[in-house]
Protein backbone atom coordinates (compact mmCIF):
# COMPACT_ATOMS: atom_id res chain seq x y z
CA MET A 1 -37.37 20.90 -40.13
CA ILE A 2 -38.91 19.61 -36.48
CA GLY A 3 -42.39 20.11 -36.17
CA TRP A 4 -44.21 21.48 -32.74
CA THR A 5 -46.68 18.16 -32.89
CA LEU A 6 -43.00 15.77 -32.93
CA PHE A 7 -41.77 18.07 -31.08
CA ARG A 8 -43.67 18.14 -28.27
CA TYR A 9 -44.17 13.82 -28.78
CA PHE A 10 -40.20 13.38 -28.60
CA PHE A 11 -40.40 15.75 -25.32
CA LEU A 12 -43.22 14.46 -23.69
CA ARG A 13 -41.88 10.44 -24.19
CA PHE A 14 -37.77 11.62 -22.41
CA LEU A 15 -40.00 13.26 -19.76
CA ILE A 16 -42.19 10.12 -18.65
CA MET A 17 -39.33 8.17 -18.91
CA THR A 18 -36.95 9.62 -16.92
CA VAL A 19 -40.61 10.10 -14.50
CA GLN A 20 -40.21 6.01 -14.31
CA PHE A 21 -36.15 5.74 -14.03
CA PHE A 22 -37.10 8.23 -11.04
CA VAL A 23 -39.03 6.74 -9.23
CA GLY A 24 -36.86 3.37 -9.38
CA VAL A 25 -33.86 4.98 -8.38
CA ALA A 26 -35.28 6.93 -5.61
CA VAL A 27 -37.52 3.59 -4.38
CA ILE A 28 -33.94 1.90 -4.08
CA CYS A 29 -31.88 4.66 -3.17
CA TYR A 30 -34.08 4.91 0.00
CA LEU A 31 -34.00 1.34 0.54
CA ALA A 32 -31.13 0.78 0.33
CA ASP A 33 -30.15 3.96 2.58
CA PHE A 34 -32.61 2.73 5.47
CA THR A 35 -30.51 -0.66 5.94
CA GLU A 36 -27.02 0.99 5.82
CA PHE A 37 -28.67 3.57 8.55
CA SER A 38 -30.39 1.51 10.10
CA ARG A 39 -27.21 -0.95 10.59
CA ARG A 40 -25.07 1.64 11.54
CA VAL A 41 -27.32 3.44 14.24
CA SER A 42 -30.08 0.72 15.60
CA SER A 43 -28.44 -0.56 18.86
CA LEU A 44 -28.66 3.13 19.98
CA PRO A 45 -31.41 3.82 22.94
CA ASN A 46 -33.29 6.68 21.15
CA TYR A 47 -33.54 4.46 17.69
CA THR A 48 -36.69 3.85 15.99
CA ILE A 49 -37.99 2.35 12.93
CA ALA A 50 -40.54 5.15 12.00
CA THR A 51 -37.60 7.90 13.00
CA GLY A 52 -35.24 5.26 10.70
CA LEU A 53 -37.67 5.64 7.97
CA LEU A 54 -37.98 9.19 8.20
CA VAL A 55 -33.96 9.84 8.38
CA SER A 56 -33.31 8.18 5.48
CA ALA A 57 -36.33 9.96 3.27
CA LEU A 58 -34.40 12.84 4.56
CA HIS A 59 -31.38 11.86 2.61
CA VAL A 60 -32.92 10.41 -0.58
CA PRO A 61 -32.89 14.31 -2.32
CA LEU A 62 -29.34 14.65 -1.92
CA ILE A 63 -28.59 10.81 -3.08
CA LEU A 64 -30.87 11.29 -6.10
CA GLN A 65 -29.84 15.09 -6.93
CA THR A 66 -26.22 13.36 -7.72
CA ALA A 67 -27.70 10.24 -9.45
CA ILE A 68 -29.38 12.55 -11.81
CA PRO A 69 -27.27 12.41 -14.74
CA PHE A 70 -27.45 8.89 -14.45
CA ILE A 71 -30.90 8.62 -14.34
CA ILE A 72 -30.48 11.52 -17.74
CA LEU A 73 -28.38 8.50 -19.34
CA PHE A 74 -30.09 6.31 -18.98
CA SER A 75 -33.40 7.44 -19.77
CA ALA A 76 -32.42 9.21 -23.22
CA MET A 77 -30.71 5.72 -24.37
CA ALA A 78 -33.94 4.15 -23.31
CA THR A 79 -36.20 6.08 -24.71
CA LEU A 80 -34.00 6.90 -28.36
CA MET A 81 -33.94 2.88 -28.33
CA MET A 82 -37.66 2.02 -27.50
CA LEU A 83 -38.47 4.80 -30.36
CA ASN A 84 -35.86 2.56 -32.68
CA ARG A 85 -37.59 -0.70 -31.99
CA LYS A 86 -40.71 1.38 -32.90
CA HIS A 87 -39.28 2.08 -35.82
CA GLU A 88 -40.30 5.91 -35.13
CA LEU A 89 -36.87 7.50 -35.97
CA VAL A 90 -36.53 6.22 -39.17
CA ILE A 91 -40.11 7.09 -40.08
CA ALA A 92 -38.72 10.98 -38.93
CA ARG A 93 -35.20 10.28 -40.34
CA SER A 94 -37.51 9.47 -43.80
CA ALA A 95 -39.53 12.98 -43.41
CA GLY A 96 -36.30 14.76 -43.50
CA VAL A 97 -35.78 15.09 -39.68
CA SER A 98 -31.93 14.97 -38.90
CA ALA A 99 -31.06 13.43 -35.80
CA TRP A 100 -29.94 17.12 -34.26
CA GLN A 101 -33.60 17.73 -34.96
CA PHE A 102 -34.94 14.53 -32.98
CA LEU A 103 -32.54 15.26 -30.70
CA LEU A 104 -33.56 19.00 -30.07
CA PRO A 105 -36.34 18.32 -27.26
CA PHE A 106 -34.00 15.20 -25.60
CA CYS A 107 -31.31 18.36 -24.96
CA LEU A 108 -33.90 20.98 -24.06
CA ALA A 109 -35.45 18.78 -21.36
CA SER A 110 -32.50 17.57 -19.63
CA PHE A 111 -31.71 21.71 -19.45
CA LEU A 112 -35.00 22.13 -18.32
CA ILE A 113 -34.43 19.12 -15.69
CA GLY A 114 -30.66 20.88 -14.94
CA LEU A 115 -33.00 24.44 -14.04
CA VAL A 116 -36.03 22.65 -11.87
CA THR A 117 -32.62 20.50 -10.21
CA ILE A 118 -31.06 23.70 -9.09
CA MET A 119 -33.91 26.21 -8.01
CA ILE A 120 -36.20 23.41 -6.74
CA PHE A 121 -34.49 20.37 -5.96
CA ASN A 122 -31.50 21.35 -4.70
CA PRO A 123 -32.62 24.08 -1.62
CA ALA A 124 -35.56 20.93 -1.28
CA ALA A 125 -32.65 18.36 -1.23
CA ALA A 126 -30.13 20.63 1.64
CA HIS A 127 -33.23 21.65 4.27
CA ALA A 128 -34.25 17.60 4.11
CA LEU A 129 -30.67 16.81 4.71
CA ALA A 130 -29.73 19.30 7.14
CA LYS A 131 -33.01 18.32 9.32
CA ALA A 132 -32.20 14.49 8.90
CA GLU A 133 -28.64 15.86 10.65
CA LEU A 134 -30.50 17.07 13.61
CA ILE A 135 -32.85 14.83 13.83
CA GLU A 136 -29.87 11.89 13.68
CA ALA A 137 -27.62 14.33 16.35
CA SER A 138 -30.89 14.25 18.98
CA PHE A 139 -29.79 10.43 20.17
CA ARG A 140 -26.28 9.70 18.04
CA GLY A 141 -24.60 11.06 21.00
CA ASP A 142 -26.15 9.07 23.49
CA THR A 143 -22.21 6.77 22.89
CA GLY A 144 -19.23 6.96 22.57
CA LEU A 145 -19.02 4.17 20.27
CA VAL A 146 -20.94 5.64 16.94
CA GLU A 147 -19.01 5.03 13.34
CA THR A 148 -18.54 7.82 12.07
CA ASN A 149 -16.19 9.16 9.70
CA ASP A 150 -18.02 12.78 10.14
CA ARG A 151 -14.85 14.52 12.30
CA ILE A 152 -15.39 18.36 12.22
CA PRO A 153 -12.27 20.13 12.18
CA TRP A 154 -11.12 20.82 15.15
CA LEU A 155 -11.63 24.48 16.24
CA ARG A 156 -10.17 27.22 18.42
CA GLN A 157 -11.56 29.86 20.73
CA GLN A 158 -10.63 32.36 23.07
CA THR A 159 -12.41 34.34 25.73
CA SER A 160 -12.14 35.95 29.34
CA GLU A 161 -12.37 32.46 30.47
CA GLY A 162 -9.09 31.16 28.41
CA THR A 163 -7.96 28.96 25.49
CA THR A 164 -10.42 26.19 24.38
CA VAL A 165 -10.14 23.87 21.94
CA ILE A 166 -13.29 22.42 20.59
CA GLY A 167 -14.05 18.70 19.27
CA ALA A 168 -16.51 16.37 18.26
CA GLU A 169 -17.95 13.51 16.45
CA LYS A 170 -21.11 14.74 14.39
CA SER A 171 -22.12 18.68 13.72
CA ALA A 172 -25.48 19.33 12.90
CA ASN A 173 -27.97 22.63 11.64
CA ARG A 174 -25.07 24.28 9.96
CA GLY A 175 -22.21 23.76 12.75
CA LEU A 176 -24.36 25.29 15.38
CA LEU A 177 -25.03 22.02 17.32
CA LEU A 178 -22.54 19.48 17.97
CA ALA A 179 -22.95 15.53 19.18
CA ASN A 180 -20.46 14.09 21.51
CA ALA A 181 -18.54 17.22 22.00
CA THR A 182 -14.83 17.77 23.76
CA PHE A 183 -14.24 20.66 25.20
CA ILE A 184 -10.99 21.07 26.80
CA ARG A 185 -9.45 24.31 28.41
CA LEU A 186 -5.86 25.96 28.20
CA ASP A 187 -3.86 27.48 30.52
CA ASP A 188 -1.48 30.24 29.04
CA SER A 189 1.40 27.53 28.70
CA ASP A 190 -1.52 25.31 26.81
CA SER A 191 -1.25 22.88 29.27
CA ILE A 192 -5.04 21.35 29.51
CA THR A 193 -6.95 22.46 33.11
CA MET A 194 -10.14 21.06 32.56
CA ARG A 195 -11.95 18.85 29.72
CA LEU A 196 -15.70 18.75 29.23
CA ASP A 197 -17.66 16.17 26.78
CA ALA A 198 -21.02 17.05 26.53
CA LYS A 199 -23.64 14.54 24.68
CA GLN A 200 -24.70 17.96 22.89
CA ALA A 201 -22.94 22.02 22.33
CA VAL A 202 -25.18 24.24 20.91
CA LEU A 203 -24.04 27.75 20.57
CA ALA A 204 -26.27 30.81 21.30
CA ASN A 205 -26.08 33.95 22.52
CA GLY A 206 -22.04 34.31 23.12
CA ALA A 207 -22.07 30.76 24.65
CA TRP A 208 -21.97 27.09 24.21
CA HIS A 209 -24.88 25.30 26.32
CA LEU A 210 -23.75 22.18 26.64
CA THR A 211 -25.89 19.00 27.82
CA ASP A 212 -25.18 15.95 29.92
CA VAL A 213 -21.65 16.76 31.48
CA THR A 214 -19.11 14.80 32.09
CA LYS A 215 -15.84 16.96 33.85
CA LEU A 216 -12.66 15.66 34.25
CA THR A 217 -10.01 18.36 35.63
CA SER A 218 -5.93 18.57 35.18
CA ASP A 219 -5.73 16.39 38.99
CA GLY A 220 -8.08 13.92 37.52
CA GLN A 221 -11.46 14.01 39.43
CA ARG A 222 -14.38 13.21 37.34
CA SER A 223 -17.93 14.59 37.28
CA THR A 224 -21.13 14.72 35.85
CA GLN A 225 -23.05 17.78 35.70
CA PRO A 226 -26.37 18.13 33.21
CA THR A 227 -25.82 21.28 31.45
CA ALA A 228 -22.54 23.39 31.68
CA THR A 229 -21.98 26.36 29.43
CA VAL A 230 -18.47 27.63 28.28
CA LYS A 231 -18.50 30.89 26.79
CA SER A 232 -17.52 31.66 23.20
CA GLY A 233 -16.34 34.68 20.31
CA LEU A 234 -17.13 32.57 17.77
CA LYS A 235 -19.28 34.25 15.24
CA PRO A 236 -22.39 31.80 14.22
CA GLU A 237 -21.34 32.70 10.18
CA PHE A 238 -18.13 31.85 11.30
CA ILE A 239 -18.92 28.34 12.38
CA GLN A 240 -20.90 27.65 9.71
CA GLU A 241 -18.43 28.48 6.93
CA ARG A 242 -15.91 26.40 9.26
CA LEU A 243 -18.09 23.48 9.90
CA ALA A 244 -21.30 23.08 6.82
CA GLN A 245 -21.50 20.44 4.48
CA PRO A 246 -21.30 21.80 1.21
CA GLU A 247 -24.65 19.95 0.38
CA THR A 248 -27.04 21.09 3.41
CA ILE A 249 -26.36 24.79 1.75
CA PRO A 250 -29.49 25.69 -0.71
CA PHE A 251 -28.19 27.46 -4.16
CA PHE A 252 -29.39 30.69 -3.66
CA GLU A 253 -27.76 30.98 -0.38
CA LEU A 254 -24.26 29.88 -1.65
CA GLY A 255 -23.20 32.76 -2.76
CA ARG A 256 -23.69 34.52 0.33
CA ALA A 257 -22.17 31.92 1.99
CA ILE A 258 -18.89 32.10 -0.43
CA ARG A 259 -18.59 36.14 1.00
CA ILE A 260 -19.10 35.39 4.48
CA ALA A 261 -16.03 32.42 4.57
CA HIS A 262 -13.65 34.88 2.61
CA SER A 263 -14.82 38.06 4.70
CA PHE A 264 -13.63 35.31 7.52
CA GLY A 265 -10.45 34.54 5.19
CA LEU A 266 -11.58 30.86 4.64
CA LYS A 267 -11.02 30.15 0.91
CA ALA A 268 -14.62 28.55 0.71
CA GLY A 269 -13.05 26.05 -1.83
CA GLY A 270 -16.07 23.18 -1.03
CA PHE A 271 -19.07 26.03 -0.85
CA ALA A 272 -16.93 27.99 -4.67
CA MET A 273 -16.99 24.21 -6.26
CA GLN A 274 -20.46 23.20 -5.32
CA TYR A 275 -22.02 26.33 -6.46
CA ASN A 276 -20.62 26.24 -9.83
CA SER A 277 -20.94 22.54 -10.37
CA LEU A 278 -24.63 23.26 -9.75
CA ILE A 279 -24.30 25.79 -12.57
CA ALA A 280 -22.92 23.52 -15.16
CA LEU A 281 -25.78 20.76 -14.23
CA PRO A 282 -27.99 21.57 -16.98
CA PHE A 283 -25.36 21.99 -19.77
CA LEU A 284 -23.99 18.28 -17.62
CA LEU A 285 -27.29 16.78 -18.24
CA VAL A 286 -27.66 17.72 -21.84
CA ALA A 287 -23.52 16.18 -22.40
CA MET A 288 -24.92 12.71 -20.89
CA THR A 289 -28.21 12.99 -22.91
CA LEU A 290 -25.64 13.59 -26.15
CA ILE A 291 -23.86 10.49 -24.69
CA ALA A 292 -26.88 8.56 -24.59
CA ALA A 293 -27.47 9.07 -28.38
CA THR A 294 -24.09 8.11 -29.77
CA VAL A 295 -24.82 4.82 -28.72
CA SER A 296 -29.15 4.12 -29.12
CA MET A 297 -29.66 5.78 -32.72
CA ARG A 298 -28.75 2.57 -34.35
CA PHE A 299 -31.36 1.01 -36.89
CA VAL A 300 -33.40 -1.84 -35.63
CA ARG A 301 -32.31 -3.55 -38.73
CA MET A 302 -28.75 -3.10 -37.71
CA GLY A 303 -29.19 -4.21 -34.46
CA GLN A 304 -28.62 -3.08 -30.81
CA SER A 305 -24.55 -2.94 -30.51
CA ILE A 306 -24.28 -4.43 -26.83
CA PRO A 307 -20.54 -3.43 -26.83
CA MET A 308 -21.88 -0.26 -28.11
CA ILE A 309 -24.23 0.58 -25.00
CA LEU A 310 -21.93 -0.67 -22.73
CA GLY A 311 -19.46 1.61 -23.81
CA GLY A 312 -21.83 4.41 -23.09
CA ILE A 313 -22.48 3.34 -19.99
CA LEU A 314 -19.10 3.02 -19.28
CA ALA A 315 -18.39 6.55 -21.27
CA GLY A 316 -21.04 7.43 -18.26
CA PHE A 317 -19.28 6.53 -15.26
CA LEU A 318 -16.22 7.52 -16.09
CA LEU A 319 -17.31 10.61 -16.69
CA TYR A 320 -19.08 10.42 -13.00
CA VAL A 321 -15.23 9.34 -11.95
CA VAL A 322 -13.96 12.52 -13.07
CA SER A 323 -16.00 14.78 -11.78
CA VAL A 324 -15.74 13.54 -8.54
CA LEU A 325 -11.83 13.51 -9.05
CA VAL A 326 -12.14 17.26 -10.38
CA LYS A 327 -14.55 18.05 -7.85
CA ALA A 328 -12.10 17.13 -4.85
CA PHE A 329 -9.49 18.54 -6.78
CA GLY A 330 -11.69 22.30 -6.43
CA SER A 331 -12.90 21.85 -3.19
CA ALA A 332 -8.78 21.81 -1.74
CA ASP A 333 -8.24 24.60 -3.93
CA ILE A 334 -6.07 22.48 -6.09
CA VAL A 335 -7.76 23.89 -9.16
CA PRO A 336 -9.82 26.17 -9.48
CA PRO A 337 -13.70 25.72 -8.90
CA PRO A 338 -14.89 26.91 -12.30
CA VAL A 339 -12.35 24.93 -14.08
CA ALA A 340 -13.12 22.03 -11.96
CA ALA A 341 -16.64 22.13 -12.25
CA TRP A 342 -16.88 23.08 -16.15
CA PHE A 343 -13.94 20.66 -17.45
CA PRO A 344 -16.23 17.59 -17.34
CA VAL A 345 -18.81 18.77 -18.95
CA VAL A 346 -16.70 20.47 -21.69
CA VAL A 347 -15.28 16.98 -22.64
CA ALA A 348 -18.78 15.18 -22.23
CA MET A 349 -20.41 17.79 -24.64
CA PHE A 350 -16.69 18.00 -27.43
CA PHE A 351 -17.11 14.04 -27.44
CA GLY A 352 -21.17 13.54 -27.82
CA VAL A 353 -20.94 16.07 -30.88
CA SER A 354 -18.00 14.74 -32.32
CA PHE A 355 -19.18 11.59 -32.15
CA LEU A 356 -22.52 12.59 -33.81
CA LEU A 357 -20.24 15.29 -36.60
CA HIS A 358 -18.84 11.95 -37.72
CA LYS A 359 -22.40 9.32 -37.85
CA GLU A 360 -24.55 12.12 -39.56
CA ASP A 361 -22.80 14.31 -41.29
CA GLY A 362 -19.52 12.31 -42.08
């Protein structure tokens, strides 16, 4: 049976290695995100280096949350290989400690990291992303030439003013703030009577409040005005469920968001998928640790097999591809979100446990 001293030693070595990988990946992600973000928006009038640095810093937590399974995979491989190189695993085995016993501190550390991620890191990342979207939306609307793939769905509302179709290039504040927004007014025969293009639109107090508005009437007359107001019967909760990205909703608010979406008749596949993926994250990190163990526990005298190590890395990336694929299916309600979230975890866990059972117990 592994003693407390050895357990704590392996536990701390793995945590230290994980922190080192975490810091390294954070720096790389920050530099890469700042470079890409500056390339996309540096031509906007309100853009500054300080703003770009701040927005990229706010993007980093979400990127790190996505990369945590790989950080665990690589840090577990590095820690086990280092312990092997120093013959510490050999000594532990000679003292009667089995592979399952000295992997216990690694698995426990991975599980605790997963819990910290969903309880603390995820809410911080969600709030940081929401703040980044708000800052970006404050200057994205300065030009209609901004490249963006984040097109939001068109909304249709009915008020005493008539039917209005709403679209935008970018949303922030969980859909309550729109950048480069377009409001198209329709008559009873669904013919366009007026179009309003606004730099920004904010939903508050039962109306959309537009700024920097360009008005185009059905007879071709164009005019500009600093502000305008469009009545709205859309509830903020409905807008949030339609337009908010699941990543901007903290873990503790996802359950409420799913219930609200269902109350409006929405499927909420994206929110349900995000919720179940976060619940499964601690077990996914344990599975990554077991995959790392399958390729990192060979004795030094036997040599570290480069094909085996590359195989472990390839297995990790394949698991990521499968996770992204089934997450897309779950978000689209093609596959039930719980099934989509837990399928990669079960497969990875089965692979790791089966391989270790074959190598250790025959």
